[in-house]
Amino acid sequence: MLAGGRSERFGSDKAVALYRGRKLIDWSIAALEPHCEALLVAGHDHADHPRTSDRPTAGLGPLGGLAGAMQTARAAGFTHILSLPCDTPEVPGALLSQLCRSDGAIVAGCPVIGLWPTDDGERLEQWLAAGRSKSVRAWAEDRRYAAIDAAPILNINHVGDMDAA
């Protein structure tokens, strides 16, 4: 679960903002639970799931969260992580199942939703430490992960996005 953003466009901590009576972060956790043996939250505290820190340092955006999660998951014996940001409350379970059948893939229209081999965690950390692009799409293209086409996914970046949904 990627939840470490500064929520600048939203104006407050969007992970805990209520969407249809439930915190945004809890929507995403519920979407991940059927597909994951364990859950980590990158960049945000959650009462039910451990937090993992960005690597190699904070402030690197979603890739820093991914690097931290990949390293933490690999140390725990996991071969892959499934990532979902906290601001996408209605991701179809079938799409997450499709990602889980890959060896590394992203959703073309929302590349922070993806399946990532944990073996790439150290390489990603080195990529970020070297000052390379912080774009998730650039990293995925460099690693040649498949890009899965999907229907548009609700992504809440502004308070108005919740009102419009």
N, C-alpha and C. Protein backbone atom coordinates (compact mmCIF):
# COMPACT_ATOMS: atom_id res chain seq x y z
N MET A 1 0.85 -1.16 0.00
CA MET A 1 0.00 0.00 0.00
C MET A 1 0.90 1.23 0.00
N LEU A 2 0.79 2.05 -1.03
CA LEU A 2 1.57 3.28 -1.12
C LEU A 2 0.74 4.43 -0.58
N ALA A 3 1.18 4.99 0.54
CA ALA A 3 0.40 6.04 1.20
C ALA A 3 1.28 7.14 1.76
N GLY A 4 2.42 7.37 1.15
CA GLY A 4 3.36 8.32 1.73
C GLY A 4 3.41 9.68 1.09
N GLY A 5 2.50 9.98 0.19
CA GLY A 5 2.56 11.27 -0.47
C GLY A 5 2.24 12.44 0.45
N ARG A 6 2.56 13.64 -0.01
CA ARG A 6 2.32 14.84 0.79
C ARG A 6 0.91 15.39 0.61
N SER A 7 0.15 14.84 -0.33
CA SER A 7 -1.24 15.26 -0.57
C SER A 7 -1.36 16.75 -0.84
N GLU A 8 -0.38 17.33 -1.53
CA GLU A 8 -0.38 18.78 -1.77
C GLU A 8 -1.60 19.22 -2.58
N ARG A 9 -1.95 18.48 -3.63
CA ARG A 9 -3.09 18.86 -4.45
C ARG A 9 -4.40 18.66 -3.71
N PHE A 10 -4.42 17.72 -2.79
CA PHE A 10 -5.64 17.41 -2.04
C PHE A 10 -5.87 18.41 -0.92
N GLY A 11 -4.79 18.89 -0.30
CA GLY A 11 -4.91 19.89 0.75
C GLY A 11 -4.88 19.35 2.16
N SER A 12 -4.98 18.04 2.33
CA SER A 12 -4.89 17.40 3.63
C SER A 12 -4.51 15.94 3.39
N ASP A 13 -4.31 15.19 4.45
CA ASP A 13 -3.90 13.79 4.33
C ASP A 13 -5.00 12.97 3.68
N LYS A 14 -4.85 12.69 2.39
CA LYS A 14 -5.94 12.01 1.70
C LYS A 14 -6.07 10.54 2.09
N ALA A 15 -5.04 9.93 2.65
CA ALA A 15 -5.14 8.53 3.07
C ALA A 15 -6.27 8.33 4.07
N VAL A 16 -6.52 9.34 4.89
CA VAL A 16 -7.56 9.21 5.92
C VAL A 16 -8.85 9.95 5.55
N ALA A 17 -8.89 10.54 4.36
CA ALA A 17 -10.11 11.20 3.90
C ALA A 17 -11.19 10.15 3.67
N LEU A 18 -12.42 10.52 3.97
CA LEU A 18 -13.53 9.58 3.81
C LEU A 18 -14.10 9.65 2.41
N TYR A 19 -14.23 8.49 1.81
CA TYR A 19 -14.88 8.32 0.52
C TYR A 19 -15.97 7.27 0.72
N ARG A 20 -17.21 7.67 0.52
CA ARG A 20 -18.35 6.79 0.72
C ARG A 20 -18.31 6.09 2.08
N GLY A 21 -17.94 6.88 3.11
CA GLY A 21 -17.98 6.41 4.49
C GLY A 21 -16.78 5.59 4.95
N ARG A 22 -15.75 5.47 4.13
CA ARG A 22 -14.58 4.68 4.50
C ARG A 22 -13.32 5.45 4.13
N LYS A 23 -12.29 5.34 4.95
CA LYS A 23 -11.02 6.02 4.64
C LYS A 23 -10.47 5.49 3.32
N LEU A 24 -9.88 6.39 2.54
CA LEU A 24 -9.30 5.98 1.26
C LEU A 24 -8.29 4.84 1.43
N ILE A 25 -7.44 4.92 2.44
CA ILE A 25 -6.45 3.87 2.65
C ILE A 25 -7.12 2.52 2.89
N ASP A 26 -8.24 2.51 3.58
CA ASP A 26 -8.93 1.26 3.87
C ASP A 26 -9.60 0.65 2.63
N TRP A 27 -10.02 1.48 1.69
CA TRP A 27 -10.53 0.97 0.41
C TRP A 27 -9.42 0.16 -0.28
N SER A 28 -8.23 0.73 -0.34
CA SER A 28 -7.14 0.07 -1.05
C SER A 28 -6.66 -1.17 -0.31
N ILE A 29 -6.61 -1.11 1.00
CA ILE A 29 -6.23 -2.30 1.78
C ILE A 29 -7.23 -3.43 1.52
N ALA A 30 -8.50 -3.11 1.51
CA ALA A 30 -9.52 -4.13 1.26
C ALA A 30 -9.37 -4.73 -0.14
N ALA A 31 -8.97 -3.93 -1.11
CA ALA A 31 -8.76 -4.44 -2.47
C ALA A 31 -7.56 -5.38 -2.53
N LEU A 32 -6.52 -5.07 -1.76
CA LEU A 32 -5.30 -5.89 -1.78
C LEU A 32 -5.44 -7.20 -1.01
N GLU A 33 -6.19 -7.20 0.07
CA GLU A 33 -6.24 -8.35 0.98
C GLU A 33 -6.51 -9.70 0.31
N PRO A 34 -7.43 -9.81 -0.66
CA PRO A 34 -7.66 -11.12 -1.26
C PRO A 34 -6.49 -11.63 -2.11
N HIS A 35 -5.55 -10.75 -2.44
CA HIS A 35 -4.48 -11.08 -3.35
C HIS A 35 -3.11 -11.20 -2.68
N CYS A 36 -3.03 -10.87 -1.41
CA CYS A 36 -1.74 -10.78 -0.73
C CYS A 36 -1.71 -11.61 0.55
N GLU A 37 -0.57 -12.22 0.82
CA GLU A 37 -0.38 -12.96 2.07
C GLU A 37 -0.12 -12.03 3.25
N ALA A 38 0.47 -10.88 2.98
CA ALA A 38 0.79 -9.90 4.02
C ALA A 38 0.68 -8.51 3.39
N LEU A 39 0.42 -7.52 4.22
CA LEU A 39 0.32 -6.15 3.75
C LEU A 39 1.30 -5.26 4.49
N LEU A 40 1.92 -4.37 3.75
CA LEU A 40 2.78 -3.32 4.29
C LEU A 40 2.22 -1.99 3.83
N VAL A 41 2.37 -0.99 4.66
CA VAL A 41 1.96 0.35 4.27
C VAL A 41 3.22 1.20 4.17
N ALA A 42 3.46 1.73 2.99
CA ALA A 42 4.64 2.57 2.76
C ALA A 42 4.29 4.02 3.04
N GLY A 43 4.98 4.60 4.01
CA GLY A 43 4.87 6.02 4.24
C GLY A 43 3.71 6.51 5.09
N HIS A 44 3.01 5.61 5.76
CA HIS A 44 1.86 6.04 6.56
C HIS A 44 1.63 5.01 7.65
N ASP A 45 1.25 5.46 8.83
CA ASP A 45 0.92 4.53 9.91
C ASP A 45 -0.49 3.99 9.72
N HIS A 46 -0.66 2.72 10.05
CA HIS A 46 -1.98 2.09 10.00
C HIS A 46 -2.06 1.13 11.17
N ALA A 47 -3.17 1.13 11.87
CA ALA A 47 -3.32 0.33 13.09
C ALA A 47 -3.19 -1.17 12.83
N ASP A 48 -3.57 -1.65 11.66
CA ASP A 48 -3.62 -3.09 11.41
C ASP A 48 -2.47 -3.66 10.59
N HIS A 49 -1.62 -2.79 10.03
CA HIS A 49 -0.58 -3.28 9.13
C HIS A 49 0.74 -2.55 9.39
N PRO A 50 1.86 -3.27 9.28
CA PRO A 50 3.15 -2.63 9.54
C PRO A 50 3.49 -1.59 8.48
N ARG A 51 4.26 -0.63 8.92
CA ARG A 51 4.74 0.43 8.03
C ARG A 51 6.13 0.06 7.53
N THR A 52 6.40 0.40 6.29
CA THR A 52 7.74 0.26 5.75
C THR A 52 8.21 1.65 5.33
N SER A 53 9.49 1.86 5.44
CA SER A 53 10.07 3.17 5.12
C SER A 53 10.53 3.23 3.68
N ASP A 54 10.49 4.44 3.13
CA ASP A 54 11.01 4.66 1.79
C ASP A 54 12.51 4.37 1.78
N ARG A 55 13.00 3.94 0.63
CA ARG A 55 14.43 3.70 0.47
C ARG A 55 14.87 4.29 -0.86
N PRO A 56 16.03 4.82 -0.98
CA PRO A 56 17.06 4.93 0.04
C PRO A 56 16.82 6.07 1.04
N THR A 57 15.86 6.94 0.74
CA THR A 57 15.54 8.04 1.64
C THR A 57 14.10 8.49 1.37
N ALA A 58 13.54 9.23 2.29
CA ALA A 58 12.19 9.76 2.10
C ALA A 58 12.19 10.85 1.03
N GLY A 59 11.02 11.15 0.50
CA GLY A 59 10.88 12.25 -0.44
C GLY A 59 11.12 11.88 -1.89
N LEU A 60 11.16 10.60 -2.20
CA LEU A 60 11.42 10.17 -3.57
C LEU A 60 10.16 9.72 -4.31
N GLY A 61 9.02 10.01 -3.72
CA GLY A 61 7.76 9.66 -4.36
C GLY A 61 7.47 8.18 -4.27
N PRO A 62 6.55 7.72 -5.12
CA PRO A 62 6.14 6.31 -5.05
C PRO A 62 7.29 5.32 -5.23
N LEU A 63 8.29 5.67 -6.02
CA LEU A 63 9.41 4.73 -6.21
C LEU A 63 10.17 4.50 -4.92
N GLY A 64 10.30 5.51 -4.07
CA GLY A 64 10.94 5.32 -2.77
C GLY A 64 10.14 4.36 -1.91
N GLY A 65 8.81 4.48 -1.95
CA GLY A 65 7.94 3.55 -1.23
C GLY A 65 8.05 2.15 -1.78
N LEU A 66 8.08 2.03 -3.11
CA LEU A 66 8.24 0.71 -3.73
C LEU A 66 9.56 0.07 -3.35
N ALA A 67 10.64 0.86 -3.38
CA ALA A 67 11.95 0.32 -3.04
C ALA A 67 11.96 -0.20 -1.61
N GLY A 68 11.40 0.56 -0.69
CA GLY A 68 11.34 0.12 0.70
C GLY A 68 10.51 -1.13 0.86
N ALA A 69 9.35 -1.17 0.20
CA ALA A 69 8.48 -2.35 0.29
C ALA A 69 9.12 -3.57 -0.33
N MET A 70 9.80 -3.39 -1.46
CA MET A 70 10.46 -4.52 -2.11
C MET A 70 11.54 -5.12 -1.21
N GLN A 71 12.33 -4.24 -0.60
CA GLN A 71 13.41 -4.72 0.27
C GLN A 71 12.84 -5.40 1.51
N THR A 72 11.81 -4.81 2.11
CA THR A 72 11.20 -5.40 3.31
C THR A 72 10.57 -6.75 2.98
N ALA A 73 9.85 -6.82 1.86
CA ALA A 73 9.18 -8.07 1.47
C ALA A 73 10.21 -9.16 1.13
N ARG A 74 11.26 -8.78 0.44
CA ARG A 74 12.29 -9.77 0.09
C ARG A 74 12.94 -10.33 1.36
N ALA A 75 13.23 -9.47 2.33
CA ALA A 75 13.83 -9.93 3.58
C ALA A 75 12.91 -10.89 4.32
N ALA A 76 11.59 -10.76 4.10
CA ALA A 76 10.61 -11.65 4.73
C ALA A 76 10.34 -12.90 3.90
N GLY A 77 11.03 -13.04 2.77
CA GLY A 77 10.89 -14.24 1.95
C GLY A 77 9.89 -14.16 0.82
N PHE A 78 9.35 -12.99 0.53
CA PHE A 78 8.38 -12.84 -0.55
C PHE A 78 9.10 -12.57 -1.86
N THR A 79 8.55 -13.09 -2.95
CA THR A 79 9.17 -12.91 -4.27
C THR A 79 8.62 -11.73 -5.04
N HIS A 80 7.42 -11.27 -4.69
CA HIS A 80 6.77 -10.17 -5.40
C HIS A 80 5.96 -9.31 -4.42
N ILE A 81 5.75 -8.07 -4.83
CA ILE A 81 4.79 -7.22 -4.13
C ILE A 81 3.77 -6.71 -5.14
N LEU A 82 2.57 -6.56 -4.68
CA LEU A 82 1.49 -5.96 -5.45
C LEU A 82 1.27 -4.57 -4.87
N SER A 83 1.40 -3.55 -5.69
CA SER A 83 1.28 -2.18 -5.16
C SER A 83 -0.02 -1.53 -5.62
N LEU A 84 -0.53 -0.72 -4.71
CA LEU A 84 -1.73 0.04 -4.96
C LEU A 84 -1.62 1.33 -4.15
N PRO A 85 -1.88 2.47 -4.77
CA PRO A 85 -1.84 3.72 -4.01
C PRO A 85 -3.11 3.88 -3.19
N CYS A 86 -3.02 4.71 -2.17
CA CYS A 86 -4.18 4.89 -1.28
C CYS A 86 -5.28 5.73 -1.90
N ASP A 87 -5.04 6.29 -3.07
CA ASP A 87 -6.03 7.20 -3.65
C ASP A 87 -6.78 6.62 -4.84
N THR A 88 -6.85 5.28 -4.92
CA THR A 88 -7.58 4.61 -5.99
C THR A 88 -8.58 3.64 -5.36
N PRO A 89 -9.73 4.16 -4.89
CA PRO A 89 -10.62 3.35 -4.06
C PRO A 89 -11.44 2.27 -4.77
N GLU A 90 -11.51 2.27 -6.06
CA GLU A 90 -12.40 1.32 -6.73
C GLU A 90 -11.69 0.49 -7.78
N VAL A 91 -10.52 -0.04 -7.45
CA VAL A 91 -9.76 -0.86 -8.39
C VAL A 91 -10.42 -2.23 -8.49
N PRO A 92 -10.72 -2.68 -9.70
CA PRO A 92 -11.36 -3.99 -9.86
C PRO A 92 -10.47 -5.15 -9.41
N GLY A 93 -11.04 -6.06 -8.66
CA GLY A 93 -10.31 -7.23 -8.21
C GLY A 93 -9.77 -8.05 -9.37
N ALA A 94 -10.52 -8.11 -10.48
CA ALA A 94 -10.06 -8.88 -11.64
C ALA A 94 -8.76 -8.30 -12.21
N LEU A 95 -8.60 -6.98 -12.15
CA LEU A 95 -7.36 -6.36 -12.62
C LEU A 95 -6.20 -6.76 -11.72
N LEU A 96 -6.41 -6.75 -10.42
CA LEU A 96 -5.35 -7.16 -9.50
C LEU A 96 -5.00 -8.63 -9.69
N SER A 97 -6.00 -9.47 -9.95
CA SER A 97 -5.75 -10.88 -10.24
C SER A 97 -4.91 -11.03 -11.50
N GLN A 98 -5.22 -10.24 -12.52
CA GLN A 98 -4.45 -10.28 -13.76
C GLN A 98 -2.99 -9.90 -13.50
N LEU A 99 -2.76 -8.86 -12.71
CA LEU A 99 -1.39 -8.48 -12.37
C LEU A 99 -0.67 -9.62 -11.66
N CYS A 100 -1.37 -10.28 -10.74
CA CYS A 100 -0.76 -11.35 -9.96
C CYS A 100 -0.35 -12.55 -10.80
N ARG A 101 -0.90 -12.67 -11.98
CA ARG A 101 -0.52 -13.77 -12.88
C ARG A 101 0.71 -13.43 -13.71
N SER A 102 1.25 -12.24 -13.55
CA SER A 102 2.44 -11.83 -14.30
C SER A 102 3.69 -12.02 -13.44
N ASP A 103 4.83 -11.75 -14.04
CA ASP A 103 6.07 -11.78 -13.26
C ASP A 103 6.57 -10.37 -12.98
N GLY A 104 5.83 -9.40 -13.43
CA GLY A 104 6.16 -7.99 -13.25
C GLY A 104 5.39 -7.20 -14.28
N ALA A 105 4.44 -6.39 -13.83
CA ALA A 105 3.60 -5.64 -14.75
C ALA A 105 3.04 -4.42 -14.04
N ILE A 106 2.62 -3.45 -14.84
CA ILE A 106 1.98 -2.25 -14.33
C ILE A 106 0.66 -2.05 -15.07
N VAL A 107 -0.20 -1.23 -14.52
CA VAL A 107 -1.41 -0.80 -15.23
C VAL A 107 -1.00 0.41 -16.06
N ALA A 108 -1.20 0.32 -17.36
CA ALA A 108 -0.72 1.36 -18.28
C ALA A 108 -1.18 2.76 -17.89
N GLY A 109 -2.44 2.91 -17.52
CA GLY A 109 -2.97 4.23 -17.20
C GLY A 109 -2.70 4.70 -15.78
N CYS A 110 -2.18 3.82 -14.94
CA CYS A 110 -1.90 4.15 -13.54
C CYS A 110 -0.74 3.26 -13.07
N PRO A 111 0.49 3.59 -13.47
CA PRO A 111 1.61 2.67 -13.27
C PRO A 111 2.03 2.41 -11.82
N VAL A 112 1.48 3.15 -10.86
CA VAL A 112 1.79 2.82 -9.47
C VAL A 112 1.03 1.57 -9.02
N ILE A 113 0.06 1.14 -9.82
CA ILE A 113 -0.60 -0.14 -9.58
C ILE A 113 0.20 -1.16 -10.37
N GLY A 114 0.83 -2.08 -9.66
CA GLY A 114 1.67 -3.04 -10.37
C GLY A 114 2.08 -4.22 -9.52
N LEU A 115 2.69 -5.18 -10.18
CA LEU A 115 3.30 -6.33 -9.52
C LEU A 115 4.79 -6.23 -9.78
N TRP A 116 5.57 -6.31 -8.70
CA TRP A 116 7.01 -6.02 -8.76
C TRP A 116 7.81 -7.17 -8.15
N PRO A 117 8.77 -7.73 -8.89
CA PRO A 117 9.65 -8.75 -8.30
C PRO A 117 10.52 -8.12 -7.21
N THR A 118 10.55 -8.73 -6.05
CA THR A 118 11.34 -8.16 -4.96
C THR A 118 12.84 -8.21 -5.24
N ASP A 119 13.25 -9.08 -6.15
CA ASP A 119 14.67 -9.12 -6.53
C ASP A 119 15.13 -7.80 -7.13
N ASP A 120 14.21 -6.98 -7.62
CA ASP A 120 14.56 -5.69 -8.21
C ASP A 120 14.68 -4.58 -7.17
N GLY A 121 14.42 -4.87 -5.90
CA GLY A 121 14.45 -3.84 -4.87
C GLY A 121 15.79 -3.15 -4.72
N GLU A 122 16.85 -3.92 -4.68
CA GLU A 122 18.19 -3.32 -4.54
C GLU A 122 18.54 -2.50 -5.77
N ARG A 123 18.19 -3.01 -6.94
CA ARG A 123 18.46 -2.28 -8.19
C ARG A 123 17.69 -0.97 -8.21
N LEU A 124 16.43 -0.99 -7.74
CA LEU A 124 15.64 0.24 -7.68
C LEU A 124 16.24 1.22 -6.69
N GLU A 125 16.69 0.73 -5.57
CA GLU A 125 17.31 1.62 -4.59
C GLU A 125 18.56 2.28 -5.18
N GLN A 126 19.36 1.53 -5.92
CA GLN A 126 20.55 2.09 -6.57
C GLN A 126 20.15 3.11 -7.64
N TRP A 127 19.10 2.82 -8.38
CA TRP A 127 18.57 3.73 -9.42
C TRP A 127 18.25 5.09 -8.79
N LEU A 128 17.53 5.05 -7.66
CA LEU A 128 17.14 6.28 -6.98
C LEU A 128 18.33 6.99 -6.35
N ALA A 129 19.25 6.24 -5.75
CA ALA A 129 20.44 6.83 -5.13
C ALA A 129 21.31 7.53 -6.17
N ALA A 130 21.27 7.04 -7.41
CA ALA A 130 22.06 7.63 -8.49
C ALA A 130 21.39 8.88 -9.08
N GLY A 131 20.21 9.22 -8.57
CA GLY A 131 19.53 10.43 -9.05
C GLY A 131 18.78 10.24 -10.36
N ARG A 132 18.50 9.01 -10.72
CA ARG A 132 17.76 8.76 -11.96
C ARG A 132 16.30 9.16 -11.78
N SER A 133 15.54 9.04 -12.83
CA SER A 133 14.14 9.47 -12.84
C SER A 133 13.35 8.86 -11.69
N LYS A 134 12.48 9.68 -11.09
CA LYS A 134 11.59 9.20 -10.04
C LYS A 134 10.24 8.77 -10.62
N SER A 135 10.15 8.66 -11.91
CA SER A 135 8.93 8.25 -12.59
C SER A 135 8.76 6.73 -12.51
N VAL A 136 7.62 6.29 -11.99
CA VAL A 136 7.33 4.86 -11.93
C VAL A 136 7.31 4.28 -13.34
N ARG A 137 6.73 5.01 -14.27
CA ARG A 137 6.68 4.54 -15.65
C ARG A 137 8.08 4.36 -16.23
N ALA A 138 8.99 5.29 -15.96
CA ALA A 138 10.36 5.17 -16.47
C ALA A 138 11.05 3.93 -15.90
N TRP A 139 10.86 3.69 -14.60
CA TRP A 139 11.44 2.50 -13.98
C TRP A 139 10.87 1.23 -14.61
N ALA A 140 9.55 1.18 -14.76
CA ALA A 140 8.90 0.00 -15.32
C ALA A 140 9.36 -0.25 -16.76
N GLU A 141 9.51 0.81 -17.54
CA GLU A 141 9.98 0.65 -18.91
C GLU A 141 11.43 0.18 -18.94
N ASP A 142 12.26 0.71 -18.05
CA ASP A 142 13.65 0.28 -17.98
C ASP A 142 13.75 -1.22 -17.65
N ARG A 143 12.87 -1.69 -16.77
CA ARG A 143 12.88 -3.10 -16.35
C ARG A 143 12.08 -3.98 -17.31
N ARG A 144 11.44 -3.35 -18.30
CA ARG A 144 10.64 -4.05 -19.30
C ARG A 144 9.46 -4.84 -18.71
N TYR A 145 8.82 -4.24 -17.71
CA TYR A 145 7.60 -4.83 -17.17
C TYR A 145 6.48 -4.63 -18.20
N ALA A 146 5.59 -5.59 -18.28
CA ALA A 146 4.44 -5.48 -19.17
C ALA A 146 3.55 -4.33 -18.69
N ALA A 147 2.89 -3.68 -19.63
CA ALA A 147 1.91 -2.63 -19.31
C ALA A 147 0.53 -3.16 -19.70
N ILE A 148 -0.32 -3.34 -18.72
CA ILE A 148 -1.66 -3.89 -18.93
C ILE A 148 -2.65 -2.76 -19.15
N ASP A 149 -3.40 -2.84 -20.23
CA ASP A 149 -4.46 -1.86 -20.49
C ASP A 149 -5.66 -2.18 -19.61
N ALA A 150 -6.27 -1.14 -19.09
CA ALA A 150 -7.44 -1.31 -18.24
C ALA A 150 -8.36 -0.12 -18.43
N ALA A 151 -9.61 -0.30 -18.05
CA ALA A 151 -10.54 0.82 -18.06
C ALA A 151 -10.00 1.91 -17.13
N PRO A 152 -10.38 3.16 -17.36
CA PRO A 152 -9.89 4.23 -16.48
C PRO A 152 -10.19 3.93 -15.01
N ILE A 153 -9.22 4.25 -14.17
CA ILE A 153 -9.31 3.98 -12.73
C ILE A 153 -9.49 5.31 -12.01
N LEU A 154 -10.47 5.35 -11.12
CA LEU A 154 -10.68 6.54 -10.31
C LEU A 154 -9.43 6.80 -9.48
N ASN A 155 -8.86 7.99 -9.65
CA ASN A 155 -7.67 8.41 -8.91
C ASN A 155 -8.00 9.74 -8.27
N ILE A 156 -8.01 9.77 -6.95
CA ILE A 156 -8.43 10.97 -6.24
C ILE A 156 -7.21 11.82 -5.89
N ASN A 157 -7.08 12.93 -6.60
CA ASN A 157 -5.98 13.86 -6.34
C ASN A 157 -6.44 15.17 -5.72
N HIS A 158 -7.71 15.50 -5.89
CA HIS A 158 -8.31 16.72 -5.36
C HIS A 158 -9.59 16.37 -4.63
N VAL A 159 -9.99 17.20 -3.69
CA VAL A 159 -11.24 16.97 -2.97
C VAL A 159 -12.40 16.87 -3.97
N GLY A 160 -12.35 17.68 -5.00
CA GLY A 160 -13.39 17.66 -6.02
C GLY A 160 -13.52 16.33 -6.74
N ASP A 161 -12.42 15.57 -6.80
CA ASP A 161 -12.48 14.25 -7.44
C ASP A 161 -13.42 13.32 -6.66
N MET A 162 -13.46 13.46 -5.34
CA MET A 162 -14.37 12.63 -4.55
C MET A 162 -15.82 13.08 -4.80
N ASP A 163 -16.01 14.39 -4.87
CA ASP A 163 -17.35 14.91 -5.11
C ASP A 163 -17.85 14.46 -6.50
N ALA A 164 -16.99 14.48 -7.49
CA ALA A 164 -17.36 14.09 -8.85
C ALA A 164 -17.67 12.60 -8.94
N ALA A 165 -16.97 11.79 -8.13
CA ALA A 165 -17.19 10.33 -8.17
C ALA A 165 -18.49 9.98 -7.51
